[in-house]
Protein backbone atom coordinates (compact mmCIF):
# COMPACT_ATOMS: atom_id res chain seq x y z
CA MET A 1 196.32 -125.87 29.89
CA GLY A 2 193.17 -125.47 31.99
CA ARG A 3 192.22 -127.31 35.11
CA LYS A 4 190.81 -130.80 34.83
CA ALA A 5 187.66 -132.25 36.34
CA LEU A 6 188.00 -135.81 37.61
CA PHE A 7 184.94 -137.96 38.30
CA PHE A 8 185.38 -141.13 40.34
CA ASP A 9 183.01 -143.98 40.96
CA LEU A 10 183.41 -145.19 44.55
CA ASP A 11 182.78 -148.94 44.92
CA GLY A 12 185.30 -150.98 42.95
CA THR A 13 187.08 -147.85 41.72
CA LEU A 14 188.33 -145.87 44.72
CA LEU A 15 187.01 -148.23 47.38
CA SER A 16 188.26 -151.80 47.25
CA SER A 17 185.54 -154.45 47.23
CA ILE A 18 188.04 -156.79 48.89
CA THR A 19 189.54 -154.69 51.68
CA HIS A 20 186.65 -152.16 51.90
CA THR A 21 189.22 -149.37 52.13
CA VAL A 22 190.63 -146.70 49.81
CA PRO A 23 194.35 -147.36 49.10
CA ASP A 24 196.79 -144.83 50.53
CA SER A 25 198.14 -144.28 47.02
CA ALA A 26 194.70 -143.10 45.84
CA VAL A 27 194.34 -140.73 48.79
CA ARG A 28 197.77 -139.32 47.96
CA VAL A 29 197.12 -138.61 44.29
CA LEU A 30 193.72 -137.10 45.03
CA SER A 31 195.43 -134.61 47.31
CA GLU A 32 198.19 -133.94 44.78
CA THR A 33 195.87 -133.34 41.81
CA ARG A 34 193.74 -130.89 43.81
CA LYS A 35 196.88 -129.00 44.83
CA LYS A 36 197.61 -128.63 41.10
CA GLY A 37 194.24 -126.89 40.72
CA ASN A 38 192.26 -129.83 39.35
CA LEU A 39 188.82 -130.69 40.71
CA ALA A 40 187.83 -134.11 42.06
CA PHE A 41 184.29 -135.42 42.41
CA LEU A 42 182.69 -138.65 43.52
CA ASN A 43 180.09 -139.85 41.01
CA SER A 44 178.32 -142.71 42.69
CA GLY A 45 175.16 -144.76 42.62
CA ARG A 46 174.96 -144.28 46.37
CA THR A 47 172.75 -141.49 47.66
CA TRP A 48 174.24 -138.88 49.98
CA TYR A 49 173.00 -140.62 53.13
CA ASP A 50 175.15 -143.63 52.33
CA LEU A 51 177.90 -141.94 50.34
CA SER A 52 178.74 -139.43 53.07
CA LYS A 53 179.55 -142.31 55.43
CA ALA A 54 181.40 -144.47 52.90
CA SER A 55 183.60 -141.61 51.64
CA ALA A 56 184.48 -140.04 54.97
CA GLY A 57 188.07 -138.78 54.93
CA LEU A 58 188.36 -138.37 51.16
CA GLU A 59 189.24 -134.90 49.83
CA MET A 60 186.62 -133.99 47.23
CA ASP A 61 185.25 -130.84 45.62
CA GLY A 62 181.80 -132.30 45.22
CA TYR A 63 179.52 -135.30 45.22
CA LEU A 64 177.29 -136.58 42.42
CA CYS A 65 174.93 -138.92 44.20
CA GLY A 66 172.26 -141.48 43.42
CA CYS A 67 173.17 -141.98 39.75
CA GLY A 68 172.70 -138.30 38.97
CA THR A 69 169.65 -137.54 41.12
CA GLN A 70 171.56 -135.20 43.44
CA VAL A 71 174.56 -132.94 42.84
CA LEU A 72 176.51 -131.22 45.62
CA VAL A 73 179.51 -128.98 44.90
CA GLU A 74 181.48 -127.04 47.46
CA GLY A 75 178.67 -127.44 49.98
CA LYS A 76 175.95 -126.19 47.61
CA GLU A 77 173.18 -128.29 46.13
CA LEU A 78 172.81 -127.86 42.37
CA LEU A 79 170.19 -130.57 41.93
CA CYS A 80 168.00 -132.86 44.00
CA TYR A 81 165.27 -135.07 42.55
CA ARG A 82 162.83 -137.34 44.39
CA ILE A 83 160.24 -139.64 42.87
CA PRO A 84 156.75 -138.18 43.49
CA ARG A 85 155.29 -139.64 46.67
CA GLN A 86 152.30 -141.43 45.12
CA LYS A 87 154.42 -142.94 42.37
CA GLY A 88 156.89 -144.13 44.97
CA ILE A 89 154.12 -145.89 46.87
CA GLU A 90 152.89 -147.58 43.69
CA ILE A 91 156.42 -148.75 42.82
CA LYS A 92 157.15 -150.47 46.11
CA ARG A 93 153.72 -152.12 46.26
CA ARG A 94 154.03 -153.40 42.69
CA ALA A 95 157.60 -154.60 43.30
CA TRP A 96 156.51 -156.59 46.35
CA ALA A 97 153.52 -158.05 44.51
CA ASP A 98 155.81 -159.14 41.67
CA GLY A 99 158.25 -160.81 44.05
CA LEU A 100 161.09 -158.25 44.07
CA ASP A 101 162.56 -156.63 47.16
CA GLY A 102 165.42 -154.33 48.05
CA VAL A 103 166.27 -150.86 49.28
CA LEU A 104 164.73 -147.45 48.57
CA GLU A 105 167.31 -144.65 48.58
CA ALA A 106 166.88 -140.96 49.38
CA PRO A 107 169.43 -138.16 49.92
CA ASP A 108 168.68 -138.19 53.64
CA GLY A 109 167.92 -141.84 54.32
CA ILE A 110 167.29 -145.38 53.16
CA CYS A 111 164.32 -147.67 53.53
CA PHE A 112 164.01 -151.45 53.59
CA ARG A 113 161.86 -154.07 55.22
CA SER A 114 161.92 -154.34 59.01
CA ASP A 115 161.65 -158.13 58.88
CA PRO A 116 163.84 -160.63 56.99
CA SER A 117 163.21 -160.69 53.25
CA PRO A 118 162.17 -163.87 51.43
CA VAL A 119 164.31 -162.70 48.48
CA ALA A 120 167.84 -163.89 49.25
CA GLY A 121 169.68 -161.00 47.61
CA ALA A 122 167.54 -158.38 49.34
CA GLU A 123 168.16 -160.01 52.70
CA TRP A 124 171.90 -160.13 52.01
CA MET A 125 171.87 -156.39 51.23
CA ARG A 126 169.79 -155.63 54.32
CA GLN A 127 172.25 -157.46 56.54
CA LEU A 128 175.22 -155.80 54.82
CA PHE A 129 173.85 -152.33 55.50
CA LEU A 130 173.23 -153.22 59.14
CA LYS A 131 176.73 -154.71 59.49
CA GLU A 132 178.28 -151.54 58.07
CA GLY A 133 176.27 -149.38 60.47
CA ILE A 134 174.09 -147.90 57.74
CA PHE A 135 170.72 -148.09 59.42
CA PRO A 136 167.34 -147.44 57.80
CA THR A 137 165.61 -144.17 58.50
CA SER A 138 162.29 -145.69 57.48
CA PHE A 139 160.71 -149.06 56.79
CA TRP A 140 158.94 -150.40 53.70
CA ASP A 141 155.42 -149.87 55.06
CA ASP A 142 156.01 -146.13 55.66
CA ASP A 143 154.25 -144.36 52.81
CA ASP A 144 155.69 -140.96 53.77
CA PHE A 145 159.22 -141.91 52.68
CA GLU A 146 160.12 -140.14 49.42
CA TYR A 147 163.07 -141.61 47.59
CA SER A 148 165.23 -140.78 44.56
CA LYS A 149 166.17 -144.23 43.23
CA PHE A 150 166.07 -147.83 44.35
CA CYS A 151 167.80 -151.19 44.10
CA LEU A 152 165.93 -154.48 43.82
CA PHE A 153 166.77 -158.15 43.85
CA ALA A 154 164.80 -160.86 42.08
CA ASP A 155 164.72 -164.65 42.26
CA GLU A 156 163.13 -167.53 40.38
CA LYS A 157 159.68 -166.58 41.71
CA SER A 158 159.86 -162.94 40.60
CA ASP A 159 157.89 -161.54 37.69
CA ARG A 160 160.69 -159.21 36.69
CA GLU A 161 159.47 -158.95 33.08
CA GLY A 162 156.07 -157.76 34.20
CA PHE A 163 157.47 -155.32 36.75
CA PHE A 164 160.11 -153.83 34.47
CA GLY A 165 157.61 -153.55 31.64
CA TRP A 166 155.34 -151.58 33.96
CA LEU A 167 158.20 -149.26 34.98
CA THR A 168 159.48 -148.32 31.55
CA PRO A 169 159.91 -145.83 29.95
CA ASP A 170 159.82 -143.71 33.11
CA PHE A 171 162.85 -145.42 34.65
CA GLN A 172 166.21 -146.74 33.54
CA ILE A 173 166.85 -150.30 34.70
CA ILE A 174 170.53 -151.14 35.16
CA ASP A 175 171.19 -154.88 35.29
CA ARG A 176 174.10 -155.27 37.70
CA GLY A 177 174.15 -159.07 37.36
CA GLY A 178 173.31 -161.72 39.93
CA ASN A 179 169.58 -160.85 39.93
CA PHE A 180 170.48 -157.33 41.14
CA TYR A 181 168.95 -154.25 39.49
CA GLU A 182 169.65 -150.56 40.07
CA ILE A 183 166.71 -148.40 39.00
CA VAL A 184 166.91 -144.67 38.32
CA PRO A 185 164.33 -142.15 37.06
CA ALA A 186 164.64 -141.53 33.32
CA GLY A 187 166.72 -138.47 32.47
CA TYR A 188 169.06 -138.84 35.46
CA THR A 189 172.42 -140.56 35.01
CA LYS A 190 176.01 -140.22 36.08
CA ALA A 191 176.55 -138.48 32.74
CA THR A 192 173.84 -135.82 33.23
CA ALA A 193 175.29 -135.05 36.66
CA MET A 194 178.80 -134.82 35.24
CA ASN A 195 177.68 -132.46 32.47
CA LEU A 196 175.90 -130.25 35.01
CA VAL A 197 179.12 -129.93 36.99
CA LEU A 198 181.19 -129.21 33.87
CA ALA A 199 178.78 -126.44 32.89
CA HIS A 200 178.83 -125.04 36.43
CA TYR A 201 182.63 -124.70 36.34
CA ASP A 202 182.80 -123.90 32.59
CA ILE A 203 185.14 -126.82 31.99
CA PRO A 204 185.15 -128.27 28.44
CA PRO A 205 184.44 -132.01 28.02
CA GLU A 206 187.96 -132.72 26.77
CA ASP A 207 189.27 -131.69 30.19
CA ALA A 208 187.09 -134.20 32.07
CA TYR A 209 188.31 -137.63 33.14
CA VAL A 210 186.08 -140.41 34.46
CA PHE A 211 187.13 -143.47 36.44
CA GLY A 212 184.89 -146.51 36.82
CA ASP A 213 184.39 -150.24 36.81
CA SER A 214 180.72 -151.25 36.77
CA GLY A 215 177.55 -151.17 34.69
CA ASN A 216 176.14 -148.05 36.32
CA ASP A 217 179.19 -146.16 34.96
CA LEU A 218 178.13 -146.86 31.37
CA ASP A 219 176.43 -143.50 30.70
CA MET A 220 179.39 -141.66 32.21
CA PHE A 221 181.86 -143.62 30.07
CA ALA A 222 179.82 -143.16 26.90
CA ALA A 223 179.73 -139.38 27.43
CA ALA A 224 183.37 -138.90 28.42
CA TRP A 225 186.33 -137.99 26.23
CA ASN A 226 188.73 -139.58 28.74
CA ALA A 227 187.52 -142.80 30.39
CA VAL A 228 189.76 -144.76 32.75
CA LEU A 229 188.71 -148.38 33.23
CA MET A 230 189.77 -150.26 36.36
CA GLY A 231 191.63 -153.55 36.00
CA SER A 232 188.68 -155.48 37.40
CA HIS A 233 185.58 -154.32 35.54
CA ASP A 234 182.30 -155.02 33.76
CA SER A 235 183.04 -155.76 30.10
CA VAL A 236 180.17 -153.48 29.01
CA LEU A 237 182.49 -150.52 29.60
CA GLU A 238 185.34 -151.74 27.41
CA PRO A 239 184.22 -150.14 24.11
CA TYR A 240 184.29 -146.70 25.76
CA ALA A 241 187.54 -146.92 27.71
CA THR A 242 190.47 -144.77 26.63
CA PHE A 243 192.86 -146.05 29.31
CA LEU A 244 192.96 -149.41 31.08
CA THR A 245 194.55 -149.25 34.51
CA ARG A 246 195.31 -151.74 37.26
CA THR A 247 192.95 -152.99 39.95
CA VAL A 248 192.09 -150.92 43.02
CA GLU A 249 194.28 -153.13 45.19
CA ASP A 250 197.21 -152.76 42.77
CA ASP A 251 197.14 -148.95 43.03
CA GLY A 252 195.14 -148.54 39.82
CA ILE A 253 194.04 -144.97 40.52
CA ALA A 254 197.55 -143.74 41.25
CA PHE A 255 198.97 -145.60 38.24
CA ALA A 256 196.44 -144.03 35.86
CA MET A 257 196.73 -140.50 37.21
CA GLU A 258 200.52 -140.59 37.07
CA LYS A 259 200.55 -141.96 33.50
CA LEU A 260 197.97 -139.40 32.36
CA GLY A 261 199.84 -136.46 33.88
CA LEU A 262 197.13 -135.58 36.39
CA VAL A 263 199.54 -135.39 39.34
């Protein structure tokens, strides 16, 4: 049997949304599976600027960042996409005019408003980043900031229909619930990044395993032969799951990997 490639979402899959830590059991099985010769990758919606801080201490062979817009394996960059500068300027101006606000994400930084946002969700996210020590490298009025993807919040005053209609079909809009939207350039997903890595290592799809919990894992789950669904999850993933495990806090990663013979 050949080596396996394991692709893990971070938030809500490896990283607990309750304790904001990775369980010791997950750290242990990650180390054990790599010692067996298997490969482990983070496949996250976070861009590298944020992901590198949030995943510090985890043993990984590579990082698939920003919903497929950047791929790093063994210290080498296989892919990096940024939205063209002028288009990026148009997007943030139109979003603001239509009453949406949030964070612009690049491999080497993030951008949000310097002053408090009138959109409650955007302000919550801004404060969360600051609390976690993830500081902006640029502010919303800086037109030189080139980003790969972005997250926006809406409220009852937002013209989300008009804005999203203007964006499509050039972008995929992932509704994360609670007026929160993750927006990624068309053609870039967690699945395209995963397939790029599989081709790079010449690993067949039947030897790939994905682990996830939320809506931005949908493309990855739909493309995978082996899809492990966390105990606490978005129901949109259920039709594609091949194994239902426990929650993060109940050692769900270790439970799944032991049952599936990956350690």
